[in-house]
Amino acid sequence: MSDSQSVSFQELTKALEDLPLWGKTLVAGGVVVAFYLPYAWFTSNKRASPIKSDFKPGVVYLYQLPRTKELPSISASCLKLETWLRMAEIPYENVPCGLGTRGLDGAIPFIEVDGKEISHSALAIHHLKEKFSKGSLDDHLSDEQKATCHAFERLIHLSLASSHLIYRAENADKLIGLIPPANFGIFASIFSIFVTKAYLGRCASIISSSSLGGYSRDQRVFLGKEDIRSLSKYLGSKHFFTGFKPTSIDASIFASLSQILFVPYQSHHKQLLNDECANLVKFVDRMKSRFWPDWTEATTKFTADSNWKRKLSTPPNGSRAQTPQKFE
């Protein structure tokens, strides 16, 4: 094909974006048909496990959603698991994978270690604690502290996450907009619409099936604010949730609060954190500085280099979140 006949990626993308709504609809329909058949074939055939057949003994291979703007992952579970791996100083590698990559049970994130696949962040962490004897992160805790940490773990995953999911659904376009367009290919503007709609459907399903499903919107928001206040009161003036040493619960709370503080939209939950819960904001900054010195690189260059300690000698850049605004 001659230079005059060739069409660049940028030109094709611009042409698609300039199409009228009906044109985009026709193209989208064609794209769906073109991709559905191979997708249906692929998903109906059980993939090989492990994916990483040439694995190194003792290395954790992490499969998660791709890096995003503002924060390394828009999935609290993905951010929690990678943060915990860094805290436990377990060697790991991020495996490049697409948005559609899932574990054998359909979950994300998941890990592979020594050829064995484990899905779900909590189960992966439990397995790694036993395999690498990394219970030392929490071994110094009393039974009462461990019980309290377990209760807070359930609070953030079953209550606070469900409460804040309201804002994530209402701002789904902004949330999906944090995903670099390259992850959608040349049909980025079209596929992002489908992904947004699919995400909205998933949010509605999770909210309706959660313990907050029968509450009104205002009631759900209120209960989430009470969860945040409880976290703030328990943290008090401590550096971390159980004292001066970070433990597993800190990875969970850090990941969950990051999904509120760093996203490009306002919420009553973010306002509460900035206005009344400065200790939680400082806690997030403390965790970010200690375990994510490569935060700016991960959220601007979208690097997934697991050799994060090389950045410890360089002060991390980047602000915590947008300038606080009143949310009416």
C-alpha atoms as a PDB file:
ATOM      1  CA  MET A   1       0.000   0.000   0.000  1.00  0.00           C
ATOM      2  CA  SER A   2       1.382   3.409  -0.956  1.00  0.00           C
ATOM      3  CA  ASP A   3       1.841   6.273   1.478  1.00  0.00           C
ATOM      4  CA  SER A   4      -1.137   8.066  -0.087  1.00  0.00           C
ATOM      5  CA  GLN A   5      -3.348   5.050   0.561  1.00  0.00           C
ATOM      6  CA  SER A   6      -2.215   4.374   4.094  1.00  0.00           C
ATOM      7  CA  VAL A   7      -4.288   5.562   7.025  1.00  0.00           C
ATOM      8  CA  SER A   8      -2.626   6.311  10.330  1.00  0.00           C
ATOM      9  CA  PHE A   9      -3.997   5.199  13.662  1.00  0.00           C
ATOM     10  CA  GLN A  10      -4.627   8.834  14.622  1.00  0.00           C
ATOM     11  CA  GLU A  11      -6.514   9.544  11.384  1.00  0.00           C
ATOM     12  CA  LEU A  12      -8.700   6.471  11.784  1.00  0.00           C
ATOM     13  CA  THR A  13      -9.456   7.321  15.393  1.00  0.00           C
ATOM     14  CA  LYS A  14     -10.362  10.912  14.471  1.00  0.00           C
ATOM     15  CA  ALA A  15     -12.595   9.683  11.644  1.00  0.00           C
ATOM     16  CA  LEU A  16     -14.470   7.445  14.055  1.00  0.00           C
ATOM     17  CA  GLU A  17     -14.878  10.236  16.604  1.00  0.00           C
ATOM     18  CA  ASP A  18     -16.202  12.601  13.902  1.00  0.00           C
ATOM     19  CA  LEU A  19     -18.966  10.219  12.862  1.00  0.00           C
ATOM     20  CA  PRO A  20     -22.539  11.218  13.729  1.00  0.00           C
ATOM     21  CA  LEU A  21     -24.338   9.180  16.382  1.00  0.00           C
ATOM     22  CA  TRP A  22     -26.034   6.910  13.824  1.00  0.00           C
ATOM     23  CA  GLY A  23     -22.682   6.285  12.156  1.00  0.00           C
ATOM     24  CA  LYS A  24     -21.044   5.345  15.425  1.00  0.00           C
ATOM     25  CA  THR A  25     -23.961   3.025  16.134  1.00  0.00           C
ATOM     26  CA  LEU A  26     -23.496   1.223  12.801  1.00  0.00           C
ATOM     27  CA  VAL A  27     -19.751   0.914  13.318  1.00  0.00           C
ATOM     28  CA  ALA A  28     -20.289  -0.268  16.882  1.00  0.00           C
ATOM     29  CA  GLY A  29     -22.703  -2.921  15.653  1.00  0.00           C
ATOM     30  CA  GLY A  30     -20.178  -4.154  13.131  1.00  0.00           C
ATOM     31  CA  VAL A  31     -17.426  -4.183  15.716  1.00  0.00           C
ATOM     32  CA  VAL A  32     -19.574  -6.138  18.159  1.00  0.00           C
ATOM     33  CA  VAL A  33     -20.393  -8.761  15.521  1.00  0.00           C
ATOM     34  CA  ALA A  34     -16.770  -8.942  14.394  1.00  0.00           C
ATOM     35  CA  PHE A  35     -15.487  -9.430  17.903  1.00  0.00           C
ATOM     36  CA  TYR A  36     -18.313 -11.466  19.419  1.00  0.00           C
ATOM     37  CA  LEU A  37     -17.724 -14.725  17.524  1.00  0.00           C
ATOM     38  CA  PRO A  38     -14.028 -15.072  18.419  1.00  0.00           C
ATOM     39  CA  TYR A  39     -14.796 -13.821  21.932  1.00  0.00           C
ATOM     40  CA  ALA A  40     -17.578 -16.391  22.380  1.00  0.00           C
ATOM     41  CA  TRP A  41     -15.279 -19.122  21.106  1.00  0.00           C
ATOM     42  CA  PHE A  42     -12.469 -18.004  23.393  1.00  0.00           C
ATOM     43  CA  THR A  43     -14.605 -17.759  26.534  1.00  0.00           C
ATOM     44  CA  SER A  44     -16.343 -21.076  25.903  1.00  0.00           C
ATOM     45  CA  ASN A  45     -13.000 -22.864  25.829  1.00  0.00           C
ATOM     46  CA  LYS A  46     -11.266 -23.244  29.152  1.00  0.00           C
ATOM     47  CA  ARG A  47      -7.864 -21.604  28.980  1.00  0.00           C
ATOM     48  CA  ALA A  48      -4.650 -23.218  30.060  1.00  0.00           C
ATOM     49  CA  SER A  49      -3.501 -22.763  33.643  1.00  0.00           C
ATOM     50  CA  PRO A  50      -1.061 -21.460  34.554  1.00  0.00           C
ATOM     51  CA  ILE A  51      -0.909 -18.724  31.949  1.00  0.00           C
ATOM     52  CA  LYS A  52       2.752 -18.194  32.784  1.00  0.00           C
ATOM     53  CA  SER A  53       4.171 -21.598  31.846  1.00  0.00           C
ATOM     54  CA  ASP A  54       7.809 -20.483  32.153  1.00  0.00           C
ATOM     55  CA  PHE A  55       7.389 -19.293  35.732  1.00  0.00           C
ATOM     56  CA  LYS A  56      10.244 -18.746  38.147  1.00  0.00           C
ATOM     57  CA  PRO A  57       9.981 -20.646  41.448  1.00  0.00           C
ATOM     58  CA  GLY A  58       8.932 -18.419  44.337  1.00  0.00           C
ATOM     59  CA  VAL A  59       7.866 -15.483  42.147  1.00  0.00           C
ATOM     60  CA  VAL A  60       4.277 -14.252  42.322  1.00  0.00           C
ATOM     61  CA  TYR A  61       2.743 -13.394  38.956  1.00  0.00           C
ATOM     62  CA  LEU A  62       0.048 -10.774  39.437  1.00  0.00           C
ATOM     63  CA  TYR A  63      -2.842 -10.394  37.005  1.00  0.00           C
ATOM     64  CA  GLN A  64      -4.890  -7.245  37.490  1.00  0.00           C
ATOM     65  CA  LEU A  65      -6.606  -4.403  35.685  1.00  0.00           C
ATOM     66  CA  PRO A  66      -4.288  -2.095  33.701  1.00  0.00           C
ATOM     67  CA  ARG A  67      -2.748   1.007  35.241  1.00  0.00           C
ATOM     68  CA  THR A  68      -4.916   4.128  35.236  1.00  0.00           C
ATOM     69  CA  LYS A  69      -4.626   7.871  35.625  1.00  0.00           C
ATOM     70  CA  GLU A  70      -4.732   9.432  39.115  1.00  0.00           C
ATOM     71  CA  LEU A  71      -4.294   6.104  40.979  1.00  0.00           C
ATOM     72  CA  PRO A  72      -2.557   2.843  40.015  1.00  0.00           C
ATOM     73  CA  SER A  73      -5.813   0.895  39.828  1.00  0.00           C
ATOM     74  CA  ILE A  74      -9.510   1.771  39.912  1.00  0.00           C
ATOM     75  CA  SER A  75     -10.080  -1.582  41.603  1.00  0.00           C
ATOM     76  CA  ALA A  76      -9.686  -1.541  45.381  1.00  0.00           C
ATOM     77  CA  SER A  77      -8.977  -5.286  45.347  1.00  0.00           C
ATOM     78  CA  CYS A  78      -6.160  -4.903  42.805  1.00  0.00           C
ATOM     79  CA  LEU A  79      -4.593  -1.983  44.673  1.00  0.00           C
ATOM     80  CA  LYS A  80      -4.944  -3.824  47.994  1.00  0.00           C
ATOM     81  CA  LEU A  81      -3.218  -6.971  46.736  1.00  0.00           C
ATOM     82  CA  GLU A  82      -0.297  -5.180  45.098  1.00  0.00           C
ATOM     83  CA  THR A  83       0.169  -2.941  48.149  1.00  0.00           C
ATOM     84  CA  TRP A  84       0.202  -6.001  50.414  1.00  0.00           C
ATOM     85  CA  LEU A  85       2.826  -7.695  48.213  1.00  0.00           C
ATOM     86  CA  ARG A  86       5.020  -4.629  48.613  1.00  0.00           C
ATOM     87  CA  MET A  87       4.457  -4.506  52.370  1.00  0.00           C
ATOM     88  CA  ALA A  88       5.309  -8.214  52.724  1.00  0.00           C
ATOM     89  CA  GLU A  89       8.362  -7.794  50.449  1.00  0.00           C
ATOM     90  CA  ILE A  90       7.364 -10.773  48.327  1.00  0.00           C
ATOM     91  CA  PRO A  91       8.932 -10.851  44.837  1.00  0.00           C
ATOM     92  CA  TYR A  92       6.243 -10.377  42.207  1.00  0.00           C
ATOM     93  CA  GLU A  93       5.790  -9.444  38.573  1.00  0.00           C
ATOM     94  CA  ASN A  94       2.855  -7.689  36.947  1.00  0.00           C
ATOM     95  CA  VAL A  95       1.841  -9.743  33.931  1.00  0.00           C
ATOM     96  CA  PRO A  96       0.606  -7.601  31.001  1.00  0.00           C
ATOM     97  CA  CYS A  97      -3.002  -8.542  30.318  1.00  0.00           C
ATOM     98  CA  GLY A  98      -6.057  -7.014  28.699  1.00  0.00           C
ATOM     99  CA  LEU A  99      -9.270  -5.760  30.244  1.00  0.00           C
ATOM    100  CA  GLY A 100     -10.918  -9.105  29.559  1.00  0.00           C
ATOM    101  CA  THR A 101      -8.369 -11.260  31.375  1.00  0.00           C
ATOM    102  CA  ARG A 102      -9.899 -13.099  34.323  1.00  0.00           C
ATOM    103  CA  GLY A 103      -9.105 -16.003  36.609  1.00  0.00           C
ATOM    104  CA  LEU A 104     -10.569 -19.418  35.927  1.00  0.00           C
ATOM    105  CA  ASP A 105     -13.507 -18.483  38.169  1.00  0.00           C
ATOM    106  CA  GLY A 106     -13.984 -15.127  36.419  1.00  0.00           C
ATOM    107  CA  ALA A 107     -12.374 -13.034  39.163  1.00  0.00           C
ATOM    108  CA  ILE A 108      -9.814 -10.246  39.009  1.00  0.00           C
ATOM    109  CA  PRO A 109      -7.211  -9.853  40.469  1.00  0.00           C
ATOM    110  CA  PHE A 110      -5.630 -13.276  40.629  1.00  0.00           C
ATOM    111  CA  ILE A 111      -2.121 -14.595  41.067  1.00  0.00           C
ATOM    112  CA  GLU A 112      -0.026 -17.510  39.916  1.00  0.00           C
ATOM    113  CA  VAL A 113       2.780 -18.830  42.076  1.00  0.00           C
ATOM    114  CA  ASP A 114       4.757 -21.992  41.326  1.00  0.00           C
ATOM    115  CA  GLY A 115       2.179 -22.891  38.690  1.00  0.00           C
ATOM    116  CA  LYS A 116      -0.837 -22.586  41.009  1.00  0.00           C
ATOM    117  CA  GLU A 117      -3.592 -20.023  40.397  1.00  0.00           C
ATOM    118  CA  ILE A 118      -5.401 -18.296  43.269  1.00  0.00           C
ATOM    119  CA  SER A 119      -8.200 -15.786  42.684  1.00  0.00           C
ATOM    120  CA  HIS A 120      -9.560 -13.023  44.949  1.00  0.00           C
ATOM    121  CA  SER A 121      -7.272 -10.713  46.920  1.00  0.00           C
ATOM    122  CA  ALA A 122      -8.196 -12.087  50.368  1.00  0.00           C
ATOM    123  CA  LEU A 123      -7.629 -15.721  49.357  1.00  0.00           C
ATOM    124  CA  ALA A 124      -4.408 -14.828  47.546  1.00  0.00           C
ATOM    125  CA  ILE A 125      -3.065 -13.032  50.622  1.00  0.00           C
ATOM    126  CA  HIS A 126      -4.044 -15.954  52.869  1.00  0.00           C
ATOM    127  CA  HIS A 127      -2.200 -18.382  50.576  1.00  0.00           C
ATOM    128  CA  LEU A 128       0.891 -16.179  50.359  1.00  0.00           C
ATOM    129  CA  LYS A 129       1.048 -15.721  54.136  1.00  0.00           C
ATOM    130  CA  GLU A 130       1.296 -19.485  54.536  1.00  0.00           C
ATOM    131  CA  LYS A 131       3.605 -20.111  51.588  1.00  0.00           C
ATOM    132  CA  PHE A 132       6.114 -17.365  52.376  1.00  0.00           C
ATOM    133  CA  SER A 133       5.615 -17.333  56.162  1.00  0.00           C
ATOM    134  CA  LYS A 134       4.560 -13.712  55.886  1.00  0.00           C
ATOM    135  CA  GLY A 135       2.155 -13.898  58.780  1.00  0.00           C
ATOM    136  CA  SER A 136       4.851 -11.817  60.476  1.00  0.00           C
ATOM    137  CA  LEU A 137       3.010  -8.737  59.248  1.00  0.00           C
ATOM    138  CA  ASP A 138       0.232  -9.582  61.713  1.00  0.00           C
ATOM    139  CA  ASP A 139       1.801 -12.090  64.123  1.00  0.00           C
ATOM    140  CA  HIS A 140       2.463  -9.457  66.759  1.00  0.00           C
ATOM    141  CA  LEU A 141      -1.238  -8.578  67.006  1.00  0.00           C
ATOM    142  CA  SER A 142      -3.335  -9.794  69.916  1.00  0.00           C
ATOM    143  CA  ASP A 143      -6.428 -11.921  69.309  1.00  0.00           C
ATOM    144  CA  GLU A 144      -8.553  -8.863  70.063  1.00  0.00           C
ATOM    145  CA  GLN A 145      -6.681  -6.766  67.501  1.00  0.00           C
ATOM    146  CA  LYS A 146      -6.988  -9.505  64.884  1.00  0.00           C
ATOM    147  CA  ALA A 147     -10.734  -9.710  65.514  1.00  0.00           C
ATOM    148  CA  THR A 148     -11.047  -5.932  65.197  1.00  0.00           C
ATOM    149  CA  CYS A 149      -9.075  -5.958  61.943  1.00  0.00           C
ATOM    150  CA  HIS A 150     -11.346  -8.677  60.579  1.00  0.00           C
ATOM    151  CA  ALA A 151     -14.411  -6.597  61.474  1.00  0.00           C
ATOM    152  CA  PHE A 152     -12.983  -3.509  59.742  1.00  0.00           C
ATOM    153  CA  GLU A 153     -12.108  -5.631  56.708  1.00  0.00           C
ATOM    154  CA  ARG A 154     -15.753  -6.628  56.398  1.00  0.00           C
ATOM    155  CA  LEU A 155     -16.904  -3.050  57.023  1.00  0.00           C
ATOM    156  CA  ILE A 156     -14.923  -1.576  54.134  1.00  0.00           C
ATOM    157  CA  HIS A 157     -15.728  -4.363  51.681  1.00  0.00           C
ATOM    158  CA  LEU A 158     -19.386  -4.980  52.500  1.00  0.00           C
ATOM    159  CA  SER A 159     -20.583  -1.575  53.708  1.00  0.00           C
ATOM    160  CA  LEU A 160     -18.331   1.329  52.681  1.00  0.00           C
ATOM    161  CA  ALA A 161     -17.624  -0.064  49.210  1.00  0.00           C
ATOM    162  CA  SER A 162     -21.342  -0.630  48.573  1.00  0.00           C
ATOM    163  CA  SER A 163     -22.152   2.861  49.818  1.00  0.00           C
ATOM    164  CA  HIS A 164     -19.548   4.589  47.648  1.00  0.00           C
ATOM    165  CA  LEU A 165     -20.531   2.486  44.649  1.00  0.00           C
ATOM    166  CA  ILE A 166     -23.389   4.970  44.231  1.00  0.00           C
ATOM    167  CA  TYR A 167     -20.906   7.706  43.302  1.00  0.00           C
ATOM    168  CA  ARG A 168     -18.893   5.356  41.112  1.00  0.00           C
ATOM    169  CA  ALA A 169     -22.050   4.523  39.155  1.00  0.00           C
ATOM    170  CA  GLU A 170     -23.093   8.176  38.866  1.00  0.00           C
ATOM    171  CA  ASN A 171     -19.616   9.060  37.591  1.00  0.00           C
ATOM    172  CA  ALA A 172     -18.962   5.915  35.572  1.00  0.00           C
ATOM    173  CA  ASP A 173     -17.865   7.889  32.508  1.00  0.00           C
ATOM    174  CA  LYS A 174     -15.220   9.754  34.537  1.00  0.00           C
ATOM    175  CA  LEU A 175     -14.070   6.536  36.176  1.00  0.00           C
ATOM    176  CA  ILE A 176     -13.750   4.628  32.898  1.00  0.00           C
ATOM    177  CA  GLY A 177     -12.082   7.751  31.478  1.00  0.00           C
ATOM    178  CA  LEU A 178      -9.131   7.054  33.777  1.00  0.00           C
ATOM    179  CA  ILE A 179      -8.295   3.968  31.709  1.00  0.00           C
ATOM    180  CA  PRO A 180      -5.735   4.872  29.005  1.00  0.00           C
ATOM    181  CA  PRO A 181      -7.433   4.744  25.551  1.00  0.00           C
ATOM    182  CA  ALA A 182      -4.716   2.396  24.291  1.00  0.00           C
ATOM    183  CA  ASN A 183      -6.370  -0.378  26.301  1.00  0.00           C
ATOM    184  CA  PHE A 184      -9.443  -0.121  24.046  1.00  0.00           C
ATOM    185  CA  GLY A 185      -7.563  -0.137  20.729  1.00  0.00           C
ATOM    186  CA  ILE A 186      -8.573   1.952  17.703  1.00  0.00           C
ATOM    187  CA  PHE A 187     -12.234   1.756  18.698  1.00  0.00           C
ATOM    188  CA  ALA A 188     -11.549   3.420  22.052  1.00  0.00           C
ATOM    189  CA  SER A 189     -14.416   5.928  21.856  1.00  0.00           C
ATOM    190  CA  ILE A 190     -16.892   3.141  21.063  1.00  0.00           C
ATOM    191  CA  PHE A 191     -15.622   0.441  23.381  1.00  0.00           C
ATOM    192  CA  SER A 192     -15.430   2.864  26.309  1.00  0.00           C
ATOM    193  CA  ILE A 193     -19.187   3.407  25.926  1.00  0.00           C
ATOM    194  CA  PHE A 194     -19.839  -0.337  26.102  1.00  0.00           C
ATOM    195  CA  VAL A 195     -17.512  -0.734  29.079  1.00  0.00           C
ATOM    196  CA  THR A 196     -19.239   2.153  30.871  1.00  0.00           C
ATOM    197  CA  LYS A 197     -22.684   0.655  30.288  1.00  0.00           C
ATOM    198  CA  ALA A 198     -21.491  -2.775  31.404  1.00  0.00           C
ATOM    199  CA  TYR A 199     -19.991  -1.229  34.535  1.00  0.00           C
ATOM    200  CA  LEU A 200     -23.250   0.571  35.321  1.00  0.00           C
ATOM    201  CA  GLY A 201     -25.114  -2.713  35.087  1.00  0.00           C
ATOM    202  CA  ARG A 202     -22.627  -4.378  37.402  1.00  0.00           C
ATOM    203  CA  CYS A 203     -22.913  -1.515  39.921  1.00  0.00           C
ATOM    204  CA  ALA A 204     -26.707  -1.776  39.946  1.00  0.00           C
ATOM    205  CA  SER A 205     -26.500  -5.524  40.501  1.00  0.00           C
ATOM    206  CA  ILE A 206     -24.009  -5.217  43.367  1.00  0.00           C
ATOM    207  CA  ILE A 207     -25.956  -2.450  45.109  1.00  0.00           C
ATOM    208  CA  SER A 208     -29.298  -4.253  44.872  1.00  0.00           C
ATOM    209  CA  SER A 209     -27.845  -7.508  46.208  1.00  0.00           C
ATOM    210  CA  SER A 210     -25.860  -5.852  49.010  1.00  0.00           C
ATOM    211  CA  SER A 211     -27.017  -5.238  52.574  1.00  0.00           C
ATOM    212  CA  LEU A 212     -27.771  -1.637  51.515  1.00  0.00           C
ATOM    213  CA  GLY A 213     -30.037  -2.680  48.649  1.00  0.00           C
ATOM    214  CA  GLY A 214     -33.243  -1.759  50.442  1.00  0.00           C
ATOM    215  CA  TYR A 215     -32.093   1.694  51.535  1.00  0.00           C
ATOM    216  CA  SER A 216     -32.599   5.022  49.791  1.00  0.00           C
ATOM    217  CA  ARG A 217     -29.696   6.821  48.150  1.00  0.00           C
ATOM    218  CA  ASP A 218     -29.344   9.315  51.013  1.00  0.00           C
ATOM    219  CA  GLN A 219     -29.426   6.519  53.575  1.00  0.00           C
ATOM    220  CA  ARG A 220     -26.688   4.615  51.754  1.00  0.00           C
ATOM    221  CA  VAL A 221     -24.517   7.735  51.590  1.00  0.00           C
ATOM    222  CA  PHE A 222     -25.122   8.396  55.300  1.00  0.00           C
ATOM    223  CA  LEU A 223     -24.101   4.862  56.293  1.00  0.00           C
ATOM    224  CA  GLY A 224     -20.908   5.208  54.259  1.00  0.00           C
ATOM    225  CA  LYS A 225     -20.097   8.434  56.080  1.00  0.00           C
ATOM    226  CA  GLU A 226     -20.599   6.653  59.402  1.00  0.00           C
ATOM    227  CA  ASP A 227     -18.181   3.947  58.246  1.00  0.00           C
ATOM    228  CA  ILE A 228     -15.572   6.617  57.492  1.00  0.00           C
ATOM    229  CA  ARG A 229     -16.109   8.275  60.877  1.00  0.00           C
ATOM    230  CA  SER A 230     -15.650   4.896  62.592  1.00  0.00           C
ATOM    231  CA  LEU A 231     -12.361   4.349  60.782  1.00  0.00           C
ATOM    232  CA  SER A 232     -11.202   7.836  61.739  1.00  0.00           C
ATOM    233  CA  LYS A 233     -12.087   7.400  65.418  1.00  0.00           C
ATOM    234  CA  TYR A 234     -10.331   4.050  65.638  1.00  0.00           C
ATOM    235  CA  LEU A 235      -7.187   5.321  63.899  1.00  0.00           C
ATOM    236  CA  GLY A 236      -6.997   8.338  66.184  1.00  0.00           C
ATOM    237  CA  SER A 237      -3.434   9.630  66.369  1.00  0.00           C
ATOM    238  CA  LYS A 238      -1.836   6.288  65.468  1.00  0.00           C
ATOM    239  CA  HIS A 239       0.408   6.060  62.414  1.00  0.00           C
ATOM    240  CA  PHE A 240      -1.294   2.870  61.267  1.00  0.00           C
ATOM    241  CA  PHE A 241      -4.460   1.101  62.336  1.00  0.00           C
ATOM    242  CA  THR A 242      -2.812  -1.145  64.889  1.00  0.00           C
ATOM    243  CA  GLY A 243       0.028   1.116  65.962  1.00  0.00           C
ATOM    244  CA  PHE A 244       3.397   2.145  64.534  1.00  0.00           C
ATOM    245  CA  LYS A 245       3.810  -0.957  62.363  1.00  0.00           C
ATOM    246  CA  PRO A 246       1.697  -1.383  59.200  1.00  0.00           C
ATOM    247  CA  THR A 247      -0.291  -4.621  58.971  1.00  0.00           C
ATOM    248  CA  SER A 248      -2.556  -6.298  56.429  1.00  0.00           C
ATOM    249  CA  ILE A 249      -5.599  -4.224  57.382  1.00  0.00           C
ATOM    250  CA  ASP A 250      -3.720  -1.063  56.400  1.00  0.00           C
ATOM    251  CA  ALA A 251      -3.412  -2.320  52.820  1.00  0.00           C
ATOM    252  CA  SER A 252      -7.176  -2.861  52.665  1.00  0.00           C
ATOM    253  CA  ILE A 253      -8.133   0.496  54.135  1.00  0.00           C
ATOM    254  CA  PHE A 254      -5.553   2.368  52.058  1.00  0.00           C
ATOM    255  CA  ALA A 255      -6.846   0.786  48.852  1.00  0.00           C
ATOM    256  CA  SER A 256     -10.476   1.551  49.699  1.00  0.00           C
ATOM    257  CA  LEU A 257      -9.920   5.170  50.742  1.00  0.00           C
ATOM    258  CA  SER A 258      -7.776   5.763  47.646  1.00  0.00           C
ATOM    259  CA  GLN A 259     -10.845   4.949  45.534  1.00  0.00           C
ATOM    260  CA  ILE A 260     -12.549   7.923  47.204  1.00  0.00           C
ATOM    261  CA  LEU A 261      -9.713  10.453  47.457  1.00  0.00           C
ATOM    262  CA  PHE A 262      -7.979  10.162  44.089  1.00  0.00           C
ATOM    263  CA  VAL A 263     -10.886   9.845  41.670  1.00  0.00           C
ATOM    264  CA  PRO A 264     -11.763  12.912  39.513  1.00  0.00           C
ATOM    265  CA  TYR A 265     -15.180  13.605  40.985  1.00  0.00           C
ATOM    266  CA  GLN A 266     -16.530  14.980  44.222  1.00  0.00           C
ATOM    267  CA  SER A 267     -18.619  13.082  46.754  1.00  0.00           C
ATOM    268  CA  HIS A 268     -19.901  13.529  50.276  1.00  0.00           C
ATOM    269  CA  HIS A 269     -17.447  10.821  51.302  1.00  0.00           C
ATOM    270  CA  LYS A 270     -14.470  12.733  49.889  1.00  0.00           C
ATOM    271  CA  GLN A 271     -15.756  15.944  51.453  1.00  0.00           C
ATOM    272  CA  LEU A 272     -16.037  14.237  54.851  1.00  0.00           C
ATOM    273  CA  LEU A 273     -12.481  12.936  54.604  1.00  0.00           C
ATOM    274  CA  ASN A 274     -11.106  16.373  53.746  1.00  0.00           C
ATOM    275  CA  ASP A 275     -13.252  18.308  56.228  1.00  0.00           C
ATOM    276  CA  GLU A 276     -13.440  16.080  59.301  1.00  0.00           C
ATOM    277  CA  CYS A 277     -11.075  13.120  58.959  1.00  0.00           C
ATOM    278  CA  ALA A 278      -7.652  14.624  58.361  1.00  0.00           C
ATOM    279  CA  ASN A 279      -6.042  11.677  60.155  1.00  0.00           C
ATOM    280  CA  LEU A 280      -7.339   9.296  57.476  1.00  0.00           C
ATOM    281  CA  VAL A 281      -6.034  11.540  54.701  1.00  0.00           C
ATOM    282  CA  LYS A 282      -2.624  11.650  56.395  1.00  0.00           C
ATOM    283  CA  PHE A 283      -2.758   7.867  56.762  1.00  0.00           C
ATOM    284  CA  VAL A 284      -3.337   7.489  53.009  1.00  0.00           C
ATOM    285  CA  ASP A 285      -0.465   9.884  52.269  1.00  0.00           C
ATOM    286  CA  ARG A 286       1.756   7.935  54.677  1.00  0.00           C
ATOM    287  CA  MET A 287       0.990   4.605  53.002  1.00  0.00           C
ATOM    288  CA  LYS A 288       1.402   6.128  49.552  1.00  0.00           C
ATOM    289  CA  SER A 289       4.812   7.616  50.372  1.00  0.00           C
ATOM    290  CA  ARG A 290       6.080   4.435  51.998  1.00  0.00           C
ATOM    291  CA  PHE A 291       4.853   1.770  49.597  1.00  0.00           C
ATOM    292  CA  TRP A 292       4.165   3.665  46.372  1.00  0.00           C
ATOM    293  CA  PRO A 293       7.190   5.895  45.669  1.00  0.00           C
ATOM    294  CA  ASP A 294       6.509   5.159  41.986  1.00  0.00           C
ATOM    295  CA  TRP A 295       2.906   6.436  42.167  1.00  0.00           C
ATOM    296  CA  THR A 296       3.435   9.302  39.713  1.00  0.00           C
ATOM    297  CA  GLU A 297       5.239   7.062  37.243  1.00  0.00           C
ATOM    298  CA  ALA A 298       2.493   4.433  37.514  1.00  0.00           C
ATOM    299  CA  THR A 299      -0.291   6.963  36.923  1.00  0.00           C
ATOM    300  CA  THR A 300       1.297   9.023  34.155  1.00  0.00           C
ATOM    301  CA  LYS A 301       3.516   6.575  32.270  1.00  0.00           C
ATOM    302  CA  PHE A 302       1.376   3.586  33.354  1.00  0.00           C
ATOM    303  CA  THR A 303       4.443   1.558  34.273  1.00  0.00           C
ATOM    304  CA  ALA A 304       3.887  -1.739  36.073  1.00  0.00           C
ATOM    305  CA  ASP A 305       7.474  -2.271  37.196  1.00  0.00           C
ATOM    306  CA  SER A 306       7.427  -4.298  40.401  1.00  0.00           C
ATOM    307  CA  ASN A 307      10.957  -3.148  41.289  1.00  0.00           C
ATOM    308  CA  TRP A 308       9.415  -0.282  43.205  1.00  0.00           C
ATOM    309  CA  LYS A 309      12.136   0.014  45.834  1.00  0.00           C
ATOM    310  CA  ARG A 310      14.490   1.606  43.338  1.00  0.00           C
ATOM    311  CA  LYS A 311      12.317   4.720  43.650  1.00  0.00           C
ATOM    312  CA  LEU A 312      12.589   4.981  47.431  1.00  0.00           C
ATOM    313  CA  SER A 313      15.626   7.247  47.188  1.00  0.00           C
ATOM    314  CA  THR A 314      13.627   9.683  45.062  1.00  0.00           C
ATOM    315  CA  PRO A 315      10.943  11.738  46.839  1.00  0.00           C
ATOM    316  CA  PRO A 316       7.516  10.889  45.358  1.00  0.00           C
ATOM    317  CA  ASN A 317       5.733  13.620  43.464  1.00  0.00           C
ATOM    318  CA  GLY A 318       2.064  14.200  42.889  1.00  0.00           C
ATOM    319  CA  SER A 319      -0.671  15.689  45.003  1.00  0.00           C
ATOM    320  CA  ARG A 320      -3.160  13.718  47.050  1.00  0.00           C
ATOM    321  CA  ALA A 321      -6.286  14.696  45.194  1.00  0.00           C
ATOM    322  CA  GLN A 322      -8.056  17.562  43.543  1.00  0.00           C
ATOM    323  CA  THR A 323      -8.455  20.776  45.491  1.00  0.00           C
ATOM    324  CA  PRO A 324     -11.278  20.063  47.936  1.00  0.00           C
ATOM    325  CA  GLN A 325     -14.581  21.547  46.865  1.00  0.00           C
ATOM    326  CA  LYS A 326     -17.875  21.700  48.644  1.00  0.00           C
ATOM    327  CA  PHE A 327     -20.185  19.002  47.374  1.00  0.00           C
ATOM    328  CA  GLU A 328     -23.804  20.025  47.517  1.00  0.00           C
END
